[in-house]
Amino acid sequence: MGGSSNTNDPFQTPAPGAMGTRHPAGPQREYGLKLNNKAVAAVAGLPVLLFIITSLWCSYGLMFTGFLWWTPWIWLVGSVGVCVFFAVSFVRNERMRVYFFFGITGMVGILLGAAAGFHAFHSFLSHVHSVSSFPVHTNVVPSDPGLLTASQLQVMQFTQGTHVNASMSSGVMVDGHRYCAAPVVEQGAAPGVVFFWAIGRDCCKARGGFTCDDALAANARYGVFYQDSRPARVSYTKAASESVKAFQLQTNSSDPFLLQFTADPSTLDEQYWSATSSFLLVVWLVYMLFSAAFGFLLYQASKRSGGGGEGTPLTAPGQGW
C-alpha cells in the first residue's frame, strides 16, 4: 500500500511512515489513517445537533397543516438516507472510516430525536392542536349530548350550572400514578346516566377528593376532549368504571367521553406548551450527557491504542468490518 495519504481531511491523520513510503507485504503492514481528536469530537457532537433538530421538527413541525405537515417526514427520511449512504459507502474504506462512524452515530441521533419529538407531540402538543383547530360547541347538556360524536366534542362549553361531582370520583393506581375520573353533572339533577367524565392524574383519592384542573372553580364550564395514548385512556376508563360501581351510577358505554374540565381552554394550551418545552430540555440534556460520555470513552480508547489522542488505527488488516 503506497503513495501518500489525504492530508486535506481534518478528521484523519496518517500513521508514521505513511507519507511517501511503501510498506512491505506481510502481517506487520499498517493502515495509515487514524481517528484524531477532531474526529472524536465530531463523531460524538454531530449527533447532538441532529437529535435537537429532529426532536423539534418532529414535535412542533406536526403542528403545521397542508404541505408543511409533511416536512418533518421529508426531513426524517432524507437525513436518515444521508446517514445510511455514509455508513454503507465508507464501511470498507480504511482511509475514510470516520465517515462511517458519522453515518452510524448520526442515524442514532436522528431516530432517537424523532422518537422524542413524536412523544412530545402526541403527549402534549396534539392537545394544543385540537383546542386551536376545532370550534367550541356551546350549551352542551351533560345528561344529553344529543347526536354529537367524540370527533365533534373536541372543545365544548356546558350549560350554566354544570359542575364536576368531586365527591363521586374514583382513582386507580397504575405504575405509581393515580388516574382519576369524576362525573360531570347538571346542577341539582338526580344521578342518572353519566356521559362525560372529568379526568386528571394524581389529583384525587381512591374515593372522592377530585381537584384536577379547574374542577372546583365555580366558573368552570369548558371541557376539552381527552385523546392521549391508549394505555392512559384505559386507566382513566377503569377509574370511571370504579366510580360507577362505587356510587351506583350509569354510563353510556364502555368508552365514555373523557375530558379535562377548565374555566378557560387557553390555560390548558399554556400548560401543554410548558410541558413540551420542559420535556424536550430534559431529553436534550440527557442526550448531551450520553454523547459526552461516549466521546470520552472514544478518546480514552484512542489513547490506549497508542494514538495519544492524535489518531487511532481503525482496523488492522483482515479485522475490520
Protein backbone atom coordinates (compact mmCIF):
# COMPACT_ATOMS: atom_id res chain seq x y z
CA MET A 1 0.00 0.00 0.00
CA GLY A 2 1.94 3.02 -1.20
CA GLY A 3 1.59 6.62 -2.13
CA SER A 4 0.56 9.37 0.26
CA SER A 5 -2.48 9.95 2.44
CA ASN A 6 -5.15 12.62 2.03
CA THR A 7 -3.73 15.35 4.31
CA ASN A 8 -6.61 17.72 3.45
CA ASP A 9 -9.07 15.73 5.57
CA PRO A 10 -9.13 17.34 9.06
CA PHE A 11 -10.61 14.19 10.60
CA GLN A 12 -7.82 11.85 9.52
CA THR A 13 -4.14 11.63 10.45
CA PRO A 14 -1.52 9.50 8.70
CA ALA A 15 0.32 6.85 10.61
CA PRO A 16 4.09 7.05 10.87
CA GLY A 17 5.74 6.02 7.67
CA ALA A 18 2.60 6.52 5.58
CA MET A 19 3.94 9.62 3.81
CA GLY A 20 5.94 8.75 0.74
CA THR A 21 6.84 5.20 1.82
CA ARG A 22 5.80 1.79 0.69
CA HIS A 23 5.02 -0.83 3.29
CA PRO A 24 6.25 -4.34 2.71
CA ALA A 25 3.67 -7.03 2.34
CA GLY A 26 3.07 -9.17 5.38
CA PRO A 27 1.32 -9.17 8.74
CA GLN A 28 3.24 -6.10 10.02
CA ARG A 29 1.74 -3.84 7.37
CA GLU A 30 -0.11 -0.80 8.83
CA TYR A 31 -3.02 1.16 7.51
CA GLY A 32 -2.26 4.85 7.54
CA LEU A 33 -5.32 6.70 8.75
CA LYS A 34 -6.32 7.18 12.35
CA LEU A 35 -9.21 8.75 14.24
CA ASN A 36 -7.87 12.02 15.63
CA ASN A 37 -9.23 14.42 18.25
CA LYS A 38 -11.30 16.42 15.77
CA ALA A 39 -12.91 13.24 14.53
CA VAL A 40 -13.74 12.11 18.06
CA ALA A 41 -15.38 15.46 18.81
CA ALA A 42 -17.34 15.41 15.55
CA VAL A 43 -18.48 11.79 15.87
CA ALA A 44 -19.77 12.47 19.41
CA GLY A 45 -21.03 16.03 18.87
CA LEU A 46 -22.72 15.93 15.47
CA PRO A 47 -25.49 13.54 16.63
CA VAL A 48 -26.43 16.01 19.39
CA LEU A 49 -27.21 18.68 16.82
CA LEU A 50 -29.16 16.20 14.70
CA PHE A 51 -31.02 14.99 17.80
CA ILE A 52 -32.12 18.53 18.72
CA ILE A 53 -33.15 19.49 15.18
CA THR A 54 -35.10 16.27 14.65
CA SER A 55 -36.90 16.42 18.02
CA LEU A 56 -38.00 19.99 17.30
CA TRP A 57 -39.09 19.21 13.77
CA CYS A 58 -40.99 16.04 14.72
CA SER A 59 -42.88 17.80 17.53
CA TYR A 60 -43.57 21.40 16.55
CA GLY A 61 -43.44 20.58 12.83
CA LEU A 62 -46.53 18.38 13.14
CA MET A 63 -48.49 21.46 14.24
CA PHE A 64 -48.43 22.67 10.65
CA THR A 65 -51.19 21.94 8.16
CA GLY A 66 -51.19 21.25 4.44
CA PHE A 67 -47.88 20.60 2.74
CA LEU A 68 -45.88 21.83 5.75
CA TRP A 69 -47.24 18.88 7.76
CA TRP A 70 -45.13 16.63 5.54
CA THR A 71 -41.86 18.49 6.10
CA PRO A 72 -40.91 16.59 9.31
CA TRP A 73 -41.32 13.33 7.43
CA ILE A 74 -39.28 14.63 4.50
CA TRP A 75 -36.53 15.71 6.90
CA LEU A 76 -36.61 12.35 8.69
CA VAL A 77 -36.42 10.23 5.54
CA GLY A 78 -33.82 12.47 3.88
CA SER A 79 -31.50 12.76 6.86
CA VAL A 80 -31.63 9.03 7.63
CA GLY A 81 -30.96 8.33 3.97
CA VAL A 82 -27.82 10.50 4.03
CA CYS A 83 -26.58 8.72 7.16
CA VAL A 84 -27.18 5.33 5.59
CA PHE A 85 -25.28 6.47 2.49
CA PHE A 86 -22.27 7.46 4.61
CA ALA A 87 -22.36 4.23 6.62
CA VAL A 88 -22.59 1.99 3.55
CA SER A 89 -20.18 3.95 1.35
CA PHE A 90 -17.31 4.12 3.83
CA VAL A 91 -17.71 0.90 5.79
CA ARG A 92 -14.76 -0.73 3.97
CA ASN A 93 -12.77 2.39 3.18
CA GLU A 94 -9.84 2.29 5.61
CA ARG A 95 -8.79 5.87 4.94
CA MET A 96 -12.30 7.33 5.25
CA ARG A 97 -13.69 5.14 8.01
CA VAL A 98 -14.52 8.15 10.18
CA TYR A 99 -17.42 8.96 7.86
CA PHE A 100 -18.81 5.52 8.52
CA PHE A 101 -18.96 6.47 12.21
CA PHE A 102 -20.63 9.76 11.23
CA GLY A 103 -23.33 7.78 9.47
CA ILE A 104 -23.96 5.42 12.39
CA THR A 105 -23.96 7.94 15.22
CA GLY A 106 -25.87 10.48 13.15
CA MET A 107 -28.58 7.94 12.38
CA VAL A 108 -28.87 7.07 16.07
CA GLY A 109 -29.27 10.75 16.95
CA ILE A 110 -31.93 11.27 14.28
CA LEU A 111 -34.00 8.22 15.22
CA LEU A 112 -33.87 8.98 18.95
CA GLY A 113 -34.71 12.62 18.23
CA ALA A 114 -37.70 11.52 16.15
CA ALA A 115 -38.92 9.29 18.99
CA ALA A 116 -38.64 12.19 21.46
CA GLY A 117 -40.37 14.59 19.07
CA PHE A 118 -43.26 12.25 18.30
CA HIS A 119 -43.74 11.58 22.01
CA ALA A 120 -43.82 15.32 22.75
CA PHE A 121 -46.40 15.90 20.03
CA HIS A 122 -48.75 13.06 20.93
CA SER A 123 -48.50 13.61 24.69
CA PHE A 124 -48.70 17.42 24.76
CA LEU A 125 -48.89 19.35 21.51
CA SER A 126 -51.69 17.29 19.98
CA HIS A 127 -53.99 18.75 22.64
CA VAL A 128 -52.96 22.28 21.73
CA HIS A 129 -53.62 21.43 18.10
CA SER A 130 -57.12 20.20 18.94
CA VAL A 131 -58.03 23.19 21.09
CA SER A 132 -56.95 25.69 18.45
CA SER A 133 -58.27 23.82 15.41
CA PHE A 134 -61.84 22.89 16.37
CA PRO A 135 -64.87 25.11 17.07
CA VAL A 136 -66.33 25.32 20.55
CA HIS A 137 -69.70 23.60 20.94
CA THR A 138 -71.78 25.72 23.31
CA ASN A 139 -74.68 24.89 25.63
CA VAL A 140 -73.88 21.18 25.76
CA VAL A 141 -76.18 19.42 28.24
CA PRO A 142 -74.10 16.91 30.23
CA SER A 143 -77.01 14.48 30.61
CA ASP A 144 -77.93 14.62 26.92
CA PRO A 145 -75.15 15.25 24.38
CA GLY A 146 -77.58 14.64 21.55
CA LEU A 147 -76.11 13.44 18.29
CA LEU A 148 -72.66 14.84 18.91
CA THR A 149 -69.89 12.31 18.44
CA ALA A 150 -66.48 12.09 20.06
CA SER A 151 -64.84 13.53 16.95
CA GLN A 152 -67.03 16.63 17.27
CA LEU A 153 -66.62 17.07 21.00
CA GLN A 154 -63.09 18.43 20.93
CA VAL A 155 -63.92 21.59 22.89
CA MET A 156 -67.30 22.20 24.50
CA GLN A 157 -68.99 24.68 26.78
CA PHE A 158 -71.58 23.14 29.07
CA THR A 159 -74.83 24.74 30.15
CA GLN A 160 -74.97 27.03 33.17
CA GLY A 161 -74.81 25.10 36.42
CA THR A 162 -72.78 22.20 35.09
CA HIS A 163 -70.12 21.06 37.51
CA VAL A 164 -67.88 18.16 38.48
CA ASN A 165 -69.18 15.98 41.30
CA ALA A 166 -65.86 15.63 43.10
CA SER A 167 -67.34 13.51 45.88
CA MET A 168 -68.24 10.74 43.39
CA SER A 169 -64.80 10.46 41.87
CA SER A 170 -62.57 7.40 41.92
CA GLY A 171 -58.87 6.87 41.44
CA VAL A 172 -56.91 3.80 40.40
CA MET A 173 -53.17 3.29 40.84
CA VAL A 174 -51.20 2.39 37.71
CA ASP A 175 -47.39 2.43 37.55
CA GLY A 176 -47.09 4.64 40.61
CA HIS A 177 -49.67 7.23 39.48
CA ARG A 178 -53.31 7.65 40.47
CA TYR A 179 -55.62 8.09 37.49
CA CYS A 180 -58.77 9.96 38.47
CA ALA A 181 -62.25 10.30 36.99
CA ALA A 182 -65.31 12.21 38.25
CA PRO A 183 -68.79 12.58 36.68
CA VAL A 184 -69.80 15.85 35.03
CA VAL A 185 -73.40 16.58 36.07
CA GLU A 186 -76.06 19.29 35.98
CA GLN A 187 -76.78 21.45 39.00
CA GLY A 188 -79.47 19.85 41.14
CA ALA A 189 -80.05 16.93 38.77
CA ALA A 190 -80.55 13.46 40.21
CA PRO A 191 -77.79 10.96 39.44
CA GLY A 192 -78.54 9.30 36.14
CA VAL A 193 -76.63 8.26 33.09
CA VAL A 194 -73.17 9.88 33.06
CA PHE A 195 -71.89 10.74 29.59
CA PHE A 196 -68.93 12.97 30.47
CA TRP A 197 -66.11 12.33 32.90
CA ALA A 198 -63.58 14.88 34.10
CA ILE A 199 -60.16 13.29 34.44
CA GLY A 200 -56.71 14.02 35.80
CA ARG A 201 -53.68 12.32 37.27
CA ASP A 202 -52.54 12.37 40.89
CA CYS A 203 -55.29 14.78 41.92
CA CYS A 204 -57.80 12.68 43.83
CA LYS A 205 -58.15 9.98 46.46
CA ALA A 206 -59.26 6.42 45.94
CA ARG A 207 -62.77 7.73 46.55
CA GLY A 208 -63.62 11.43 46.32
CA GLY A 209 -61.28 14.39 46.71
CA PHE A 210 -61.17 15.23 42.99
CA THR A 211 -59.23 18.50 42.41
CA CYS A 212 -57.94 18.08 38.84
CA ASP A 213 -57.59 21.18 36.65
CA ASP A 214 -60.45 23.64 37.42
CA ALA A 215 -62.90 21.07 38.76
CA LEU A 216 -63.60 23.13 41.89
CA ALA A 217 -63.85 26.51 40.16
CA ALA A 218 -67.35 27.96 40.19
CA ASN A 219 -66.99 29.45 36.70
CA ALA A 220 -65.58 26.32 35.05
CA ARG A 221 -67.86 25.07 32.26
CA TYR A 222 -65.44 24.09 29.48
CA GLY A 223 -64.43 20.58 28.62
CA VAL A 224 -61.52 19.64 26.36
CA PHE A 225 -61.83 16.14 24.97
CA TYR A 226 -59.00 13.85 26.05
CA GLN A 227 -57.21 11.99 23.27
CA ASP A 228 -53.94 10.83 24.76
CA SER A 229 -52.27 7.43 24.40
CA ARG A 230 -54.26 4.23 24.67
CA PRO A 231 -52.70 2.96 27.94
CA ALA A 232 -53.63 6.17 29.78
CA ARG A 233 -57.15 6.10 28.33
CA VAL A 234 -57.62 2.57 29.63
CA SER A 235 -56.57 3.70 33.11
CA TYR A 236 -58.99 6.65 33.10
CA THR A 237 -61.81 4.43 31.82
CA LYS A 238 -61.10 1.98 34.63
CA ALA A 239 -61.33 4.84 37.15
CA ALA A 240 -64.71 5.85 35.70
CA SER A 241 -65.89 2.24 35.97
CA GLU A 242 -64.84 2.17 39.61
CA SER A 243 -66.89 5.29 40.25
CA VAL A 244 -69.92 3.73 38.53
CA LYS A 245 -69.68 0.66 40.77
CA ALA A 246 -68.97 2.55 44.00
CA PHE A 247 -71.74 5.13 43.63
CA GLN A 248 -74.26 3.09 41.63
CA LEU A 249 -74.10 5.34 38.59
CA GLN A 250 -74.83 4.51 34.98
CA THR A 251 -72.64 5.24 31.99
CA ASN A 252 -73.38 5.34 28.29
CA SER A 253 -70.75 2.85 27.14
CA SER A 254 -67.51 1.11 27.96
CA ASP A 255 -65.68 4.00 26.25
CA PRO A 256 -67.03 7.16 27.95
CA PHE A 257 -66.31 10.74 26.96
CA LEU A 258 -63.18 11.74 28.88
CA LEU A 259 -62.30 15.40 29.19
CA GLN A 260 -60.33 17.99 31.10
CA PHE A 261 -62.62 20.39 32.93
CA THR A 262 -61.47 24.01 32.89
CA ALA A 263 -62.63 27.61 33.15
CA ASP A 264 -60.52 28.65 30.15
CA PRO A 265 -59.22 26.25 27.47
CA SER A 266 -56.29 28.58 26.73
CA THR A 267 -54.82 27.80 30.16
CA LEU A 268 -54.55 24.16 29.10
CA ASP A 269 -52.70 25.31 25.99
CA GLU A 270 -50.17 27.11 28.18
CA GLN A 271 -49.70 24.00 30.30
CA TYR A 272 -49.08 21.84 27.25
CA TRP A 273 -46.61 24.31 25.71
CA SER A 274 -44.74 24.45 29.00
CA ALA A 275 -44.77 20.65 29.37
CA THR A 276 -43.41 20.26 25.83
CA SER A 277 -40.54 22.67 26.45
CA SER A 278 -39.65 21.03 29.76
CA PHE A 279 -39.71 17.55 28.26
CA LEU A 280 -37.51 18.50 25.30
CA LEU A 281 -35.00 20.31 27.51
CA VAL A 282 -34.67 17.25 29.74
CA VAL A 283 -34.15 14.80 26.87
CA TRP A 284 -31.64 17.20 25.23
CA LEU A 285 -29.65 17.33 28.45
CA VAL A 286 -29.73 13.55 28.85
CA TYR A 287 -28.60 13.02 25.27
CA MET A 288 -25.81 15.59 25.62
CA LEU A 289 -24.53 13.77 28.70
CA PHE A 290 -24.73 10.47 26.86
CA SER A 291 -22.80 11.89 23.89
CA ALA A 292 -20.17 13.44 26.17
CA ALA A 293 -19.66 10.09 27.88
CA PHE A 294 -19.42 8.35 24.50
CA GLY A 295 -16.86 10.89 23.28
CA PHE A 296 -14.79 10.49 26.42
CA LEU A 297 -14.74 6.70 26.06
CA LEU A 298 -13.79 7.05 22.41
CA TYR A 299 -10.96 9.42 23.32
CA GLN A 300 -9.68 7.05 26.01
CA ALA A 301 -9.79 4.17 23.56
CA SER A 302 -7.70 6.24 21.17
CA LYS A 303 -5.10 6.92 23.85
CA ARG A 304 -4.91 3.30 24.95
CA SER A 305 -4.32 2.16 21.38
CA GLY A 306 -1.19 4.30 21.23
CA GLY A 307 -2.52 7.30 19.37
CA GLY A 308 -2.16 9.62 22.32
CA GLY A 309 -5.27 11.46 21.20
CA GLU A 310 -3.72 12.30 17.86
CA GLY A 311 -5.07 9.37 15.97
CA THR A 312 -6.18 5.78 16.32
CA PRO A 313 -5.93 2.99 13.76
CA LEU A 314 -9.48 1.98 12.94
CA THR A 315 -8.78 -1.54 11.83
CA ALA A 316 -5.93 -3.92 11.28
CA PRO A 317 -5.61 -5.94 8.06
CA GLY A 318 -8.20 -8.68 7.98
CA GLN A 319 -10.00 -7.45 11.15
CA GLY A 320 -12.25 -4.61 10.01
CA TRP A 321 -15.91 -4.65 9.15
